[in-house]
Protein backbone atom coordinates (compact mmCIF):
# COMPACT_ATOMS: atom_id res chain seq x y z
CA MET A 1 -0.51 -14.81 -12.74
CA ALA A 2 1.17 -18.21 -12.32
CA SER A 3 3.86 -17.44 -9.72
CA ALA A 4 4.97 -14.95 -7.64
CA PRO A 5 7.81 -12.52 -8.81
CA SER A 6 10.99 -12.26 -6.83
CA SER A 7 12.67 -9.26 -5.66
CA SER A 8 15.92 -11.05 -4.82
CA SER A 9 17.76 -10.28 -8.29
CA PRO A 10 18.27 -7.08 -10.37
CA ALA A 11 16.06 -8.28 -12.90
CA GLY A 12 13.15 -8.37 -10.66
CA ARG A 13 12.47 -4.55 -11.02
CA THR A 14 13.59 -1.70 -13.07
CA ARG A 15 14.51 1.51 -11.24
CA SER A 16 15.46 3.77 -14.08
CA ARG A 17 13.24 6.84 -13.60
CA GLU A 18 15.34 8.82 -16.08
CA ASN A 19 14.03 6.23 -18.90
CA GLY A 20 10.74 7.81 -18.77
CA LEU A 21 7.11 6.70 -18.58
CA HIS A 22 7.37 3.68 -21.23
CA LEU A 23 6.48 0.26 -20.07
CA PRO A 24 9.21 -2.13 -20.31
CA ASP A 25 9.32 -4.50 -23.37
CA THR A 26 8.91 -7.48 -20.90
CA ALA A 27 5.50 -6.35 -19.55
CA ARG A 28 2.92 -9.00 -19.88
CA GLU A 29 0.36 -8.34 -16.90
CA LEU A 30 -0.70 -4.92 -15.78
CA VAL A 31 -2.26 -5.10 -12.28
CA LYS A 32 -3.71 -2.15 -10.35
CA ILE A 33 -2.90 -2.25 -6.60
CA LEU A 34 -4.26 0.24 -3.96
CA VAL A 35 -1.86 1.35 -1.31
CA THR A 36 -4.01 2.51 1.45
CA GLY A 37 -4.20 2.94 5.24
CA PRO A 38 -4.87 5.97 7.64
CA PHE A 39 -3.68 9.46 7.65
CA GLY A 40 0.10 9.72 8.09
CA VAL A 41 0.86 5.89 7.94
CA GLY A 42 3.33 6.11 5.17
CA LYS A 43 1.52 5.39 1.89
CA THR A 44 3.22 8.25 -0.09
CA THR A 45 6.63 7.24 1.37
CA LEU A 46 6.23 3.73 0.28
CA ILE A 47 5.26 4.52 -3.24
CA ASP A 48 8.31 6.86 -3.52
CA SER A 49 10.46 3.92 -2.26
CA VAL A 50 9.60 1.49 -5.05
CA SER A 51 8.37 3.45 -8.12
CA GLU A 52 10.35 3.00 -11.19
CA ILE A 53 8.98 6.19 -12.50
CA ARG A 54 8.68 9.58 -10.99
CA PRO A 55 5.77 9.21 -8.70
CA LEU A 56 2.64 11.59 -9.01
CA HIS A 57 1.69 13.25 -5.96
CA THR A 58 -1.37 15.41 -5.06
CA GLU A 59 -0.18 16.57 -1.80
CA GLU A 60 -1.08 19.94 -0.10
CA HIS A 61 0.09 21.58 2.97
CA LEU A 62 -2.00 21.12 6.02
CA THR A 63 -3.72 24.40 7.07
CA GLU A 64 -5.40 25.71 10.34
CA ALA A 65 -8.75 24.81 8.69
CA SER A 66 -7.87 21.12 8.69
CA VAL A 67 -7.04 21.03 12.48
CA PRO A 68 -10.76 20.23 13.56
CA VAL A 69 -10.97 17.27 11.08
CA ASP A 70 -7.42 15.82 10.69
CA ASP A 71 -6.21 14.11 13.93
CA LEU A 72 -2.46 14.75 14.19
CA ALA A 73 -2.13 12.61 17.30
CA GLY A 74 1.01 10.55 16.46
CA VAL A 75 2.07 12.40 13.37
CA ARG A 76 2.67 15.90 14.77
CA ASP A 77 5.66 16.43 12.50
CA LYS A 78 3.40 15.94 9.40
CA THR A 79 2.95 18.98 7.18
CA THR A 80 1.44 17.84 4.10
CA THR A 81 -1.29 15.44 3.11
CA THR A 82 -2.50 13.61 0.05
CA VAL A 83 -5.60 15.17 -1.37
CA ALA A 84 -6.42 12.91 -4.25
CA ILE A 85 -4.02 10.16 -5.24
CA ASP A 86 -0.54 9.07 -5.27
CA PHE A 87 0.69 7.06 -8.29
CA GLY A 88 3.83 4.92 -8.96
CA ARG A 89 4.69 1.79 -11.00
CA ILE A 90 7.11 -1.10 -10.46
CA SER A 91 8.00 -3.97 -13.02
CA LEU A 92 8.47 -7.35 -11.46
CA ASN A 93 9.96 -10.56 -12.72
CA GLY A 94 7.61 -12.61 -15.06
CA GLY A 95 6.49 -9.42 -16.79
CA VAL A 96 4.15 -8.41 -13.97
CA VAL A 97 3.82 -4.34 -13.80
CA LEU A 98 1.99 -2.93 -10.67
CA TYR A 99 0.29 0.19 -10.94
CA LEU A 100 0.25 1.54 -7.50
CA PHE A 101 -2.60 4.05 -6.47
CA GLY A 102 -2.26 5.56 -3.10
CA THR A 103 -5.28 6.73 -1.38
CA PRO A 104 -6.18 9.60 1.06
CA GLY A 105 -6.47 8.47 4.54
CA GLN A 106 -8.93 10.82 5.99
CA GLU A 107 -12.57 10.17 6.27
CA ARG A 108 -13.45 13.55 4.50
CA PHE A 109 -11.95 12.15 1.24
CA ARG A 110 -14.08 8.94 1.39
CA ALA A 111 -16.08 9.89 -1.63
CA LEU A 112 -13.07 9.31 -3.74
CA TRP A 113 -12.82 5.78 -2.64
CA ASP A 114 -15.08 4.01 -5.20
CA ASP A 115 -13.23 5.96 -8.09
CA ILE A 116 -9.74 4.96 -6.96
CA ALA A 117 -10.72 1.53 -6.16
CA TYR A 118 -12.25 0.86 -9.45
CA GLY A 119 -10.55 -1.88 -11.45
CA ALA A 120 -8.02 -2.73 -8.61
CA LEU A 121 -7.05 -6.33 -7.88
CA GLY A 122 -6.03 -5.95 -4.41
CA ALA A 123 -4.88 -3.56 -1.62
CA LEU A 124 -1.91 -3.22 0.54
CA VAL A 125 -3.14 -1.68 3.84
CA LEU A 126 -0.41 0.08 5.93
CA VAL A 127 -0.92 -0.05 9.73
CA ASP A 128 0.84 2.07 12.31
CA THR A 129 1.05 -0.23 15.62
CA ARG A 130 1.12 3.14 17.66
CA ARG A 131 -2.37 4.07 16.14
CA ILE A 132 -3.94 0.56 15.60
CA ASP A 133 -7.54 2.03 16.09
CA ASP A 134 -7.04 4.46 13.22
CA SER A 135 -6.92 1.63 10.80
CA PHE A 136 -10.28 0.12 11.50
CA ASP A 137 -12.23 2.54 9.13
CA VAL A 138 -9.69 1.68 6.03
CA LEU A 139 -9.96 -2.01 6.72
CA GLY A 140 -13.78 -1.70 6.69
CA LEU A 141 -13.71 0.15 3.52
CA VAL A 142 -11.47 -2.52 1.90
CA GLU A 143 -13.41 -5.43 3.15
CA GLU A 144 -16.76 -3.75 2.04
CA SER A 145 -15.23 -3.32 -1.36
CA GLY A 146 -14.55 -7.18 -1.58
CA LEU A 147 -10.80 -6.47 -2.31
CA PRO A 148 -8.37 -9.24 -1.22
CA TYR A 149 -5.66 -7.49 0.76
CA ALA A 150 -2.60 -7.81 2.69
CA VAL A 151 -1.36 -5.78 5.93
CA ALA A 152 2.04 -4.07 6.15
CA LEU A 153 2.91 -2.92 9.57
CA ASN A 154 5.02 0.26 8.95
CA ARG A 155 7.67 0.29 11.77
CA PHE A 156 8.45 3.71 13.18
CA PRO A 157 11.29 4.25 15.76
CA ASP A 158 8.81 4.46 18.55
CA SER A 159 6.63 1.69 17.35
CA LYS A 160 5.02 -0.48 19.94
CA GLN A 161 5.99 -4.35 20.03
CA TYR A 162 3.14 -6.85 19.77
CA THR A 163 3.11 -10.46 19.08
CA GLU A 164 1.61 -11.61 15.70
CA GLU A 165 -1.51 -13.09 17.41
CA GLN A 166 -2.11 -9.92 19.39
CA LEU A 167 -2.14 -7.89 16.05
CA ARG A 168 -4.10 -10.23 14.12
CA ARG A 169 -6.78 -10.27 17.07
CA SER A 170 -6.77 -6.45 17.44
CA LEU A 171 -7.22 -5.99 13.68
CA ASP A 172 -9.68 -8.92 13.34
CA LEU A 173 -7.72 -10.24 10.36
CA ASP A 174 -8.90 -13.49 8.90
CA PRO A 175 -6.08 -16.13 9.12
CA GLN A 176 -5.37 -16.19 5.49
CA THR A 177 -4.66 -12.57 5.35
CA PRO A 178 -0.99 -11.86 4.80
CA MET A 179 0.56 -9.68 7.61
CA VAL A 180 4.14 -8.47 7.24
CA ALA A 181 6.39 -6.04 8.89
CA CYS A 182 7.76 -3.24 6.50
CA ASP A 183 9.74 0.03 6.80
CA ALA A 184 8.14 2.08 3.90
CA ARG A 185 11.45 4.00 3.65
CA ASP A 186 13.16 0.85 2.56
CA THR A 187 12.88 -0.24 -0.97
CA ASN A 188 13.44 -3.86 -0.50
CA ALA A 189 11.12 -4.03 2.52
CA SER A 190 8.38 -2.28 0.71
CA ILE A 191 8.77 -4.56 -2.31
CA ASP A 192 8.46 -7.67 -0.05
CA ALA A 193 5.24 -6.36 1.27
CA LEU A 194 4.06 -5.80 -2.16
CA LEU A 195 5.14 -9.22 -3.23
CA ALA A 196 3.22 -10.61 -0.18
CA LEU A 197 0.07 -9.12 -1.57
CA VAL A 198 0.93 -10.61 -5.07
CA GLN A 199 1.42 -14.09 -3.76
CA HIS A 200 -1.90 -13.81 -1.92
CA LEU A 201 -3.77 -12.86 -5.17
CA ILE A 202 -2.12 -15.69 -7.06
CA THR A 203 -3.05 -18.39 -4.21
CA ARG A 204 -6.68 -16.98 -4.23
CA ASN A 205 -6.92 -17.11 -7.98
CA SER A 206 -5.44 -20.66 -8.47
CA PRO A 207 -7.62 -23.52 -9.37
CA GLU A 208 -7.15 -25.38 -6.21
CA THR A 209 -8.70 -22.62 -4.20
CA ARG A 210 -11.57 -21.48 -6.32
């Protein structure tokens, strides 16, 4: 991965879901990326917004039985939850193809983490600034796995406003960890968040930083 792909031109990605599951002829590098974060943060929405194929979802309706274990504070309107993975794919300039694996956000699905994370090169961690504390467990999992990651602050209409310094301090982020604002519903904003992660991976793997 020599240089960061760009989302600025139509050639930067293919959004022809009707063309099926076949890889584009330009594909040169296949990269597995985790899209992770706490319950209700927008992982499924982000994958939906960027995937060039029809995304795979494993969602089930929330039931009364989940009330004691799934904290709905801040996400009272949520009626479904991912119980295994979300999956999507996006092709970028330079022949880079990202396979996006969305992880469940609840502690009760932690046993799936190692299997889903196997073979991933990095993670995009979504954070809800209304519920910053909810992000700590997921960030801990990512750091324990040794995966490089970027943080995407998913903006909601009632999101609290903080300075970058406040957020980095609250999340205890390394100065080199990318942190970007993102609206998971917006395709371009979601692609930009993924590109921030890709650029981070390129920088980490360049000869100058080894």
